[in-house]
Amino acid sequence: MSVGNLNSLSNFGKINFDITISELVTLEYMDNSDRTPRFKKLCTNCNEYKKSKSFRSGVHELILRTSDNADNTDEEIVVYTVN
């Protein structure tokens, strides 16, 4: 998984994702700053994700997880501050 154009500071309550994956996967994220962190699906059968998501103000530690049809998984941790 390649997470490009990471900007650790995000304005206007949104984080712009630019994620490229070398194969078709299910892409999910978990925000460890949530009261009850759990994985939320971003896309299924995709090899890229170039959209923005809204988050409340503060620091967000996100775990990005991919899983393929053979149940192989990969995770990457990114930290953002949303103003």
C-alpha atoms as a PDB file:
ATOM      1  CA  MET A   1       0.000   0.000   0.000  1.00  0.00           C
ATOM      2  CA  SER A   2       1.279   3.445  -0.858  1.00  0.00           C
ATOM      3  CA  VAL A   3      -0.171   6.403   0.993  1.00  0.00           C
ATOM      4  CA  GLY A   4       0.883   9.465  -0.960  1.00  0.00           C
ATOM      5  CA  ASN A   5       0.724  13.201  -0.371  1.00  0.00           C
ATOM      6  CA  LEU A   6       0.492  12.852   3.377  1.00  0.00           C
ATOM      7  CA  ASN A   7      -0.091  16.161   5.032  1.00  0.00           C
ATOM      8  CA  SER A   8       0.066  15.900   8.813  1.00  0.00           C
ATOM      9  CA  LEU A   9      -2.038  19.052   9.211  1.00  0.00           C
ATOM     10  CA  SER A  10      -5.528  19.198   7.720  1.00  0.00           C
ATOM     11  CA  ASN A  11      -7.794  22.226   7.651  1.00  0.00           C
ATOM     12  CA  PHE A  12     -11.559  22.535   7.463  1.00  0.00           C
ATOM     13  CA  GLY A  13     -12.193  19.241   9.258  1.00  0.00           C
ATOM     14  CA  LYS A  14     -11.287  17.030   6.304  1.00  0.00           C
ATOM     15  CA  ILE A  15      -8.446  14.654   5.561  1.00  0.00           C
ATOM     16  CA  ASN A  16      -7.622  14.154   1.892  1.00  0.00           C
ATOM     17  CA  PHE A  17      -6.606  10.565   1.203  1.00  0.00           C
ATOM     18  CA  ASP A  18      -4.379   9.615  -1.742  1.00  0.00           C
ATOM     19  CA  ILE A  19      -3.878   5.855  -1.457  1.00  0.00           C
ATOM     20  CA  THR A  20      -2.657   3.491  -4.170  1.00  0.00           C
ATOM     21  CA  ILE A  21      -2.590  -0.297  -3.844  1.00  0.00           C
ATOM     22  CA  SER A  22      -0.940  -2.757  -6.264  1.00  0.00           C
ATOM     23  CA  GLU A  23      -3.948  -5.110  -6.388  1.00  0.00           C
ATOM     24  CA  LEU A  24      -7.689  -5.117  -5.775  1.00  0.00           C
ATOM     25  CA  VAL A  25      -8.393  -5.029  -2.040  1.00  0.00           C
ATOM     26  CA  THR A  26     -10.831  -4.010   0.632  1.00  0.00           C
ATOM     27  CA  LEU A  27      -9.571  -0.801   2.245  1.00  0.00           C
ATOM     28  CA  GLU A  28     -10.574   0.120   5.790  1.00  0.00           C
ATOM     29  CA  TYR A  29      -9.489   2.578   8.462  1.00  0.00           C
ATOM     30  CA  MET A  30      -9.704   2.792  12.248  1.00  0.00           C
ATOM     31  CA  ASP A  31      -9.428   6.098  14.117  1.00  0.00           C
ATOM     32  CA  ASN A  32      -7.771   5.308  17.449  1.00  0.00           C
ATOM     33  CA  SER A  33      -9.016   8.635  18.812  1.00  0.00           C
ATOM     34  CA  ASP A  34     -12.661   7.481  18.579  1.00  0.00           C
ATOM     35  CA  ARG A  35     -14.407   6.536  21.797  1.00  0.00           C
ATOM     36  CA  THR A  36     -14.943   3.028  20.445  1.00  0.00           C
ATOM     37  CA  PRO A  37     -12.379   2.487  17.683  1.00  0.00           C
ATOM     38  CA  ARG A  38     -13.423   0.027  14.982  1.00  0.00           C
ATOM     39  CA  PHE A  39     -12.559  -0.516  11.344  1.00  0.00           C
ATOM     40  CA  LYS A  40     -14.722   1.347   8.824  1.00  0.00           C
ATOM     41  CA  LYS A  41     -14.772   0.426   5.142  1.00  0.00           C
ATOM     42  CA  LEU A  42     -13.497   2.995   2.629  1.00  0.00           C
ATOM     43  CA  CYS A  43     -13.842   0.851  -0.512  1.00  0.00           C
ATOM     44  CA  THR A  44     -14.150  -2.728  -1.763  1.00  0.00           C
ATOM     45  CA  ASN A  45     -12.442  -4.262  -4.821  1.00  0.00           C
ATOM     46  CA  CYS A  46     -10.422  -1.095  -5.309  1.00  0.00           C
ATOM     47  CA  ASN A  47      -6.776  -0.330  -6.027  1.00  0.00           C
ATOM     48  CA  GLU A  48      -6.908   3.373  -5.156  1.00  0.00           C
ATOM     49  CA  TYR A  49      -8.742   5.767  -2.885  1.00  0.00           C
ATOM     50  CA  LYS A  50      -8.567   9.488  -3.627  1.00  0.00           C
ATOM     51  CA  LYS A  51     -11.301  11.101  -1.565  1.00  0.00           C
ATOM     52  CA  SER A  52     -11.663  13.195   1.566  1.00  0.00           C
ATOM     53  CA  LYS A  53     -13.347  12.277   4.839  1.00  0.00           C
ATOM     54  CA  SER A  54     -14.524  14.586   7.621  1.00  0.00           C
ATOM     55  CA  PHE A  55     -13.053  14.313  11.110  1.00  0.00           C
ATOM     56  CA  ARG A  56     -13.539  16.363  14.257  1.00  0.00           C
ATOM     57  CA  SER A  57     -10.797  18.755  15.374  1.00  0.00           C
ATOM     58  CA  GLY A  58      -7.773  17.251  17.101  1.00  0.00           C
ATOM     59  CA  VAL A  59      -5.115  14.620  16.582  1.00  0.00           C
ATOM     60  CA  HIS A  60      -6.131  11.424  14.786  1.00  0.00           C
ATOM     61  CA  GLU A  61      -4.056   8.246  14.681  1.00  0.00           C
ATOM     62  CA  LEU A  62      -5.448   6.232  11.784  1.00  0.00           C
ATOM     63  CA  ILE A  63      -4.735   2.611  11.012  1.00  0.00           C
ATOM     64  CA  LEU A  64      -5.230   1.952   7.299  1.00  0.00           C
ATOM     65  CA  ARG A  65      -5.779  -1.739   6.533  1.00  0.00           C
ATOM     66  CA  THR A  66      -5.988  -3.588   3.235  1.00  0.00           C
ATOM     67  CA  SER A  67      -7.107  -7.180   2.749  1.00  0.00           C
ATOM     68  CA  ASP A  68      -7.162  -9.169  -0.474  1.00  0.00           C
ATOM     69  CA  ASN A  69      -9.212 -12.182  -1.593  1.00  0.00           C
ATOM     70  CA  ALA A  70      -6.666 -14.563  -0.013  1.00  0.00           C
ATOM     71  CA  ASP A  71      -7.141 -12.799   3.375  1.00  0.00           C
ATOM     72  CA  ASN A  72      -3.636 -11.303   3.294  1.00  0.00           C
ATOM     73  CA  THR A  73      -3.594  -8.018   5.186  1.00  0.00           C
ATOM     74  CA  ASP A  74      -1.355  -4.974   5.376  1.00  0.00           C
ATOM     75  CA  GLU A  75      -1.590  -2.068   7.806  1.00  0.00           C
ATOM     76  CA  GLU A  76      -0.087   1.393   7.905  1.00  0.00           C
ATOM     77  CA  ILE A  77      -0.416   3.966  10.697  1.00  0.00           C
ATOM     78  CA  VAL A  78      -0.699   7.673   9.885  1.00  0.00           C
ATOM     79  CA  VAL A  79      -1.230  10.608  12.236  1.00  0.00           C
ATOM     80  CA  TYR A  80      -3.133  13.761  11.289  1.00  0.00           C
ATOM     81  CA  THR A  81      -4.051  16.944  13.114  1.00  0.00           C
ATOM     82  CA  VAL A  82      -7.356  18.432  12.035  1.00  0.00           C
ATOM     83  CA  ASN A  83      -8.038  22.116  12.753  1.00  0.00           C
END
